[in-house]
N, C-alpha and C. Protein backbone atom coordinates (compact mmCIF):
# COMPACT_ATOMS: atom_id res chain seq x y z
N MET A 1 -5.88 69.82 -51.84
CA MET A 1 -5.91 69.53 -50.35
C MET A 1 -4.59 69.80 -49.73
N ASN A 2 -4.81 70.33 -48.47
CA ASN A 2 -3.50 70.70 -47.84
C ASN A 2 -2.99 69.50 -47.05
N VAL A 3 -1.93 69.51 -46.39
CA VAL A 3 -1.21 68.37 -45.68
C VAL A 3 -2.16 67.88 -44.51
N ASN A 4 -2.79 68.78 -43.81
CA ASN A 4 -3.68 68.25 -42.79
C ASN A 4 -4.78 67.47 -43.41
N GLU A 5 -5.46 67.95 -44.38
CA GLU A 5 -6.60 67.33 -45.03
C GLU A 5 -6.20 65.97 -45.53
N LEU A 6 -5.09 65.98 -46.16
CA LEU A 6 -4.31 64.61 -46.60
C LEU A 6 -4.28 63.59 -45.38
N ASN A 7 -3.68 64.11 -44.38
CA ASN A 7 -3.50 63.23 -43.12
C ASN A 7 -4.72 62.68 -42.76
N THR A 8 -5.79 63.58 -42.46
CA THR A 8 -7.08 63.15 -42.07
C THR A 8 -7.70 62.07 -42.95
N THR A 9 -7.60 62.46 -44.31
CA THR A 9 -8.12 61.53 -45.22
C THR A 9 -7.54 60.06 -45.24
N ALA A 10 -6.16 60.03 -45.03
CA ALA A 10 -5.56 58.91 -45.00
C ALA A 10 -5.95 58.06 -43.66
N ARG A 11 -5.91 58.83 -42.64
CA ARG A 11 -6.29 58.12 -41.30
C ARG A 11 -7.72 57.58 -41.42
N ASP A 12 -8.50 58.57 -42.00
CA ASP A 12 -9.97 57.91 -42.06
C ASP A 12 -10.04 56.71 -42.99
N LEU A 13 -9.30 56.68 -44.12
CA LEU A 13 -9.30 55.46 -44.94
C LEU A 13 -8.78 54.30 -44.18
N LEU A 14 -7.70 54.44 -43.52
CA LEU A 14 -7.16 53.31 -42.77
C LEU A 14 -8.18 52.93 -41.64
N SER A 15 -9.09 53.85 -41.02
CA SER A 15 -9.81 53.39 -40.13
C SER A 15 -11.11 52.68 -40.75
N VAL A 16 -11.50 53.06 -41.96
CA VAL A 16 -12.60 52.44 -42.53
C VAL A 16 -12.20 51.01 -42.84
N ARG A 17 -11.00 50.87 -43.44
CA ARG A 17 -10.45 49.52 -43.84
C ARG A 17 -10.43 48.78 -42.68
N ALA A 18 -10.00 49.03 -41.61
CA ALA A 18 -10.03 48.31 -40.26
C ALA A 18 -11.37 47.73 -39.92
N MET A 19 -12.34 48.74 -40.09
CA MET A 19 -13.74 48.40 -39.80
C MET A 19 -14.35 47.34 -40.67
N ILE A 20 -13.93 47.48 -42.07
CA ILE A 20 -14.36 46.54 -43.06
C ILE A 20 -13.70 45.20 -42.77
N ALA A 21 -12.42 45.13 -42.20
CA ALA A 21 -11.77 43.80 -41.92
C ALA A 21 -12.65 43.09 -40.74
N GLU A 22 -12.94 44.00 -39.64
CA GLU A 22 -13.73 43.38 -38.56
C GLU A 22 -14.99 42.87 -39.04
N LEU A 23 -15.81 43.65 -39.95
CA LEU A 23 -17.16 43.15 -40.45
C LEU A 23 -16.92 41.83 -41.40
N GLU A 24 -15.90 41.81 -42.11
CA GLU A 24 -15.69 40.65 -43.03
C GLU A 24 -15.26 39.49 -41.99
N ALA A 25 -14.57 39.73 -40.94
CA ALA A 25 -14.33 38.59 -39.92
C ALA A 25 -15.65 38.05 -39.38
N GLU A 26 -16.52 39.04 -38.96
CA GLU A 26 -17.99 38.58 -38.36
C GLU A 26 -18.69 38.09 -39.37
N ALA A 27 -18.71 38.50 -40.70
CA ALA A 27 -19.42 37.79 -41.73
C ALA A 27 -18.92 36.37 -41.89
N GLU A 28 -17.63 36.25 -41.99
CA GLU A 28 -17.03 34.81 -42.11
C GLU A 28 -17.60 33.82 -40.95
N ALA A 29 -17.53 34.43 -39.71
CA ALA A 29 -17.92 33.48 -38.47
C ALA A 29 -19.42 33.23 -38.64
N LEU A 30 -20.38 34.23 -39.08
CA LEU A 30 -21.67 33.94 -39.36
C LEU A 30 -21.97 32.84 -40.46
N THR A 31 -21.01 33.08 -41.49
CA THR A 31 -21.12 32.01 -42.67
C THR A 31 -20.86 30.52 -42.11
N ASP A 32 -19.83 30.61 -41.30
CA ASP A 32 -19.47 29.29 -40.82
C ASP A 32 -20.37 28.69 -39.87
N LYS A 33 -21.30 29.40 -39.20
CA LYS A 33 -22.42 28.89 -38.39
C LYS A 33 -23.46 28.28 -39.34
N LEU A 34 -23.71 28.91 -40.50
CA LEU A 34 -24.86 28.45 -41.31
C LEU A 34 -24.16 27.07 -42.20
N LYS A 35 -22.77 27.22 -42.44
CA LYS A 35 -22.37 25.96 -43.11
C LYS A 35 -22.37 24.79 -41.99
N ALA A 36 -22.21 25.02 -40.87
CA ALA A 36 -22.23 24.09 -39.66
C ALA A 36 -23.69 23.53 -39.69
N ALA A 37 -24.64 24.24 -39.75
CA ALA A 37 -26.00 23.85 -39.63
C ALA A 37 -26.13 22.94 -40.89
N MET A 38 -25.69 23.44 -41.93
CA MET A 38 -25.94 22.54 -43.27
C MET A 38 -25.31 21.21 -42.96
N VAL A 39 -24.02 21.04 -42.50
CA VAL A 39 -23.44 19.77 -42.29
C VAL A 39 -24.30 19.05 -41.30
N ASP A 40 -24.63 19.68 -40.21
CA ASP A 40 -25.52 18.92 -39.13
C ASP A 40 -26.68 18.40 -39.84
N GLN A 41 -27.40 19.10 -40.61
CA GLN A 41 -28.64 18.54 -41.20
C GLN A 41 -28.50 17.78 -42.45
N GLY A 42 -27.28 17.60 -42.95
CA GLY A 42 -26.95 16.87 -44.22
C GLY A 42 -27.58 17.49 -45.36
N THR A 43 -27.49 18.82 -45.49
CA THR A 43 -28.26 19.49 -46.66
C THR A 43 -27.43 20.53 -47.30
N GLU A 44 -27.58 20.81 -48.71
CA GLU A 44 -26.98 21.87 -49.10
C GLU A 44 -27.70 23.17 -49.30
N VAL A 45 -28.93 23.10 -48.74
CA VAL A 45 -29.91 24.34 -48.78
C VAL A 45 -30.43 24.47 -47.41
N LEU A 46 -30.46 25.76 -47.00
CA LEU A 46 -31.30 26.19 -45.84
C LEU A 46 -32.11 27.24 -46.20
N GLN A 47 -33.38 27.43 -45.53
CA GLN A 47 -34.19 28.39 -45.98
C GLN A 47 -34.85 28.99 -44.69
N GLY A 48 -35.15 30.33 -44.63
CA GLY A 48 -35.73 30.97 -43.54
C GLY A 48 -36.68 32.08 -43.91
N ASP A 49 -37.11 32.83 -43.27
CA ASP A 49 -38.12 33.82 -43.39
C ASP A 49 -37.30 34.83 -44.29
N GLY A 50 -37.54 34.89 -45.58
CA GLY A 50 -36.89 35.85 -46.57
C GLY A 50 -35.51 35.60 -46.85
N TRP A 51 -34.92 34.60 -46.67
CA TRP A 51 -33.52 34.29 -47.03
C TRP A 51 -33.48 32.70 -47.38
N LYS A 52 -32.36 32.44 -48.23
CA LYS A 52 -31.97 31.05 -48.53
C LYS A 52 -30.46 31.05 -48.74
N ALA A 53 -29.92 29.93 -48.25
CA ALA A 53 -28.56 29.81 -48.24
C ALA A 53 -28.24 28.39 -48.92
N THR A 54 -27.22 28.43 -49.93
CA THR A 54 -26.84 27.10 -50.52
C THR A 54 -25.40 27.03 -50.33
N TRP A 55 -24.93 25.69 -50.34
CA TRP A 55 -23.46 25.47 -50.18
C TRP A 55 -23.27 24.08 -50.89
N LYS A 56 -22.69 24.22 -52.08
CA LYS A 56 -22.36 22.98 -52.73
C LYS A 56 -21.23 23.08 -53.68
N ASN A 57 -20.85 21.79 -54.02
CA ASN A 57 -19.70 21.83 -54.72
C ASN A 57 -19.87 22.34 -56.23
N ILE A 58 -18.91 23.09 -56.93
CA ILE A 58 -19.05 23.50 -58.16
C ILE A 58 -17.86 22.99 -59.02
N VAL A 59 -18.06 22.24 -60.13
CA VAL A 59 -16.91 21.77 -60.89
C VAL A 59 -16.69 22.80 -62.07
N SER A 60 -15.52 23.10 -62.22
CA SER A 60 -15.06 23.96 -63.21
C SER A 60 -13.67 23.40 -63.84
N SER A 61 -13.38 23.86 -65.11
CA SER A 61 -12.21 23.43 -65.89
C SER A 61 -11.33 24.76 -66.13
N ARG A 62 -10.25 24.73 -65.80
CA ARG A 62 -9.36 25.89 -66.05
C ARG A 62 -8.00 25.41 -66.82
N LEU A 63 -7.45 26.23 -67.47
CA LEU A 63 -6.35 26.02 -68.07
C LEU A 63 -5.00 25.98 -67.33
N ASP A 64 -4.23 25.01 -67.18
CA ASP A 64 -2.99 25.01 -66.30
C ASP A 64 -1.89 25.77 -67.10
N THR A 65 -1.71 26.96 -66.91
CA THR A 65 -0.78 27.73 -67.71
C THR A 65 0.66 27.34 -67.35
N VAL A 66 1.02 26.96 -66.11
CA VAL A 66 2.29 26.45 -65.76
C VAL A 66 2.64 25.36 -66.48
N ALA A 67 1.72 24.22 -66.55
CA ALA A 67 2.02 23.01 -67.42
C ALA A 67 2.06 23.53 -69.02
N LEU A 68 1.25 24.34 -69.38
CA LEU A 68 1.35 24.67 -70.79
C LEU A 68 2.68 25.35 -71.15
N LYS A 69 3.05 26.25 -70.36
CA LYS A 69 4.43 26.90 -70.50
C LYS A 69 5.59 25.87 -70.57
N LYS A 70 5.37 24.85 -69.62
CA LYS A 70 6.47 24.01 -69.60
C LYS A 70 6.44 23.07 -70.72
N ALA A 71 5.29 22.47 -71.20
CA ALA A 71 5.14 21.51 -72.37
C ALA A 71 5.17 22.24 -73.63
N LEU A 72 4.74 23.40 -73.84
CA LEU A 72 4.71 24.06 -75.11
C LEU A 72 5.10 25.61 -75.00
N PRO A 73 6.30 25.76 -74.67
CA PRO A 73 6.55 27.35 -74.43
C PRO A 73 6.29 28.15 -75.52
N ASP A 74 6.64 27.84 -76.72
CA ASP A 74 6.34 28.70 -77.85
C ASP A 74 4.94 29.02 -78.01
N MET A 75 4.10 27.95 -77.90
CA MET A 75 2.77 28.14 -78.08
C MET A 75 2.13 28.99 -76.94
N ALA A 76 2.63 28.79 -75.72
CA ALA A 76 2.05 29.64 -74.53
C ALA A 76 2.50 31.03 -74.82
N ALA A 77 3.71 31.34 -75.33
CA ALA A 77 4.16 32.68 -75.46
C ALA A 77 3.26 33.33 -76.59
N GLN A 78 3.02 32.49 -77.66
CA GLN A 78 2.26 33.01 -78.81
C GLN A 78 0.86 33.53 -78.37
N TYR A 79 0.17 32.94 -77.25
CA TYR A 79 -1.13 33.34 -76.83
C TYR A 79 -1.17 33.91 -75.46
N THR A 80 0.02 34.45 -75.09
CA THR A 80 0.02 35.12 -73.79
C THR A 80 -0.14 36.60 -74.23
N ARG A 81 -1.04 37.34 -73.26
CA ARG A 81 -1.36 38.70 -73.56
C ARG A 81 -0.85 39.34 -72.28
N THR A 82 -0.26 40.58 -72.51
CA THR A 82 0.15 41.33 -71.35
C THR A 82 -0.81 42.51 -71.17
N THR A 83 -1.20 42.78 -69.93
CA THR A 83 -2.03 43.85 -69.54
C THR A 83 -1.34 44.84 -68.61
N THR A 84 -1.87 46.00 -68.48
CA THR A 84 -1.26 46.91 -67.48
C THR A 84 -2.43 47.43 -66.74
N THR A 85 -2.32 47.52 -65.35
CA THR A 85 -3.30 47.96 -64.43
C THR A 85 -2.70 48.97 -63.53
N THR A 86 -3.42 49.66 -62.78
CA THR A 86 -2.90 50.66 -61.75
C THR A 86 -3.25 50.09 -60.38
N ARG A 87 -2.58 50.33 -59.31
CA ARG A 87 -2.88 49.79 -58.00
C ARG A 87 -2.55 50.99 -57.12
N PHE A 88 -3.55 51.26 -56.11
CA PHE A 88 -3.39 52.11 -55.06
C PHE A 88 -2.99 51.37 -53.73
N VAL A 89 -1.95 51.86 -53.02
CA VAL A 89 -1.52 51.26 -51.94
C VAL A 89 -1.39 52.36 -50.88
N LEU A 90 -2.11 52.00 -49.75
CA LEU A 90 -1.87 53.00 -48.52
C LEU A 90 -1.46 52.13 -47.45
N SER A 91 -0.22 52.47 -46.84
CA SER A 91 0.33 51.66 -45.83
C SER A 91 0.75 52.39 -44.68
N VAL A 92 1.05 51.81 -43.57
CA VAL A 92 1.49 52.45 -42.24
C VAL A 92 2.91 52.15 -42.09
């Protein structure tokens, strides 16, 4: 790719990301409307023609690694695994 093509591609990517952010905000607003309806109706489930929405508490248990490292640093170090990932960043 030449410089002009790279510039166009980067601008297109930034534009698409902006559209995605707008759509995510719109989706969040619509989600909030459905959640408000659930609160108003006192229900965890809403259904309509071809769709069903649920909103309920989920209980999960997770390891508190900060507390583990503080209480048993040698044990935490023994079971800590290091991973490597790659990250792509495009900024303005």
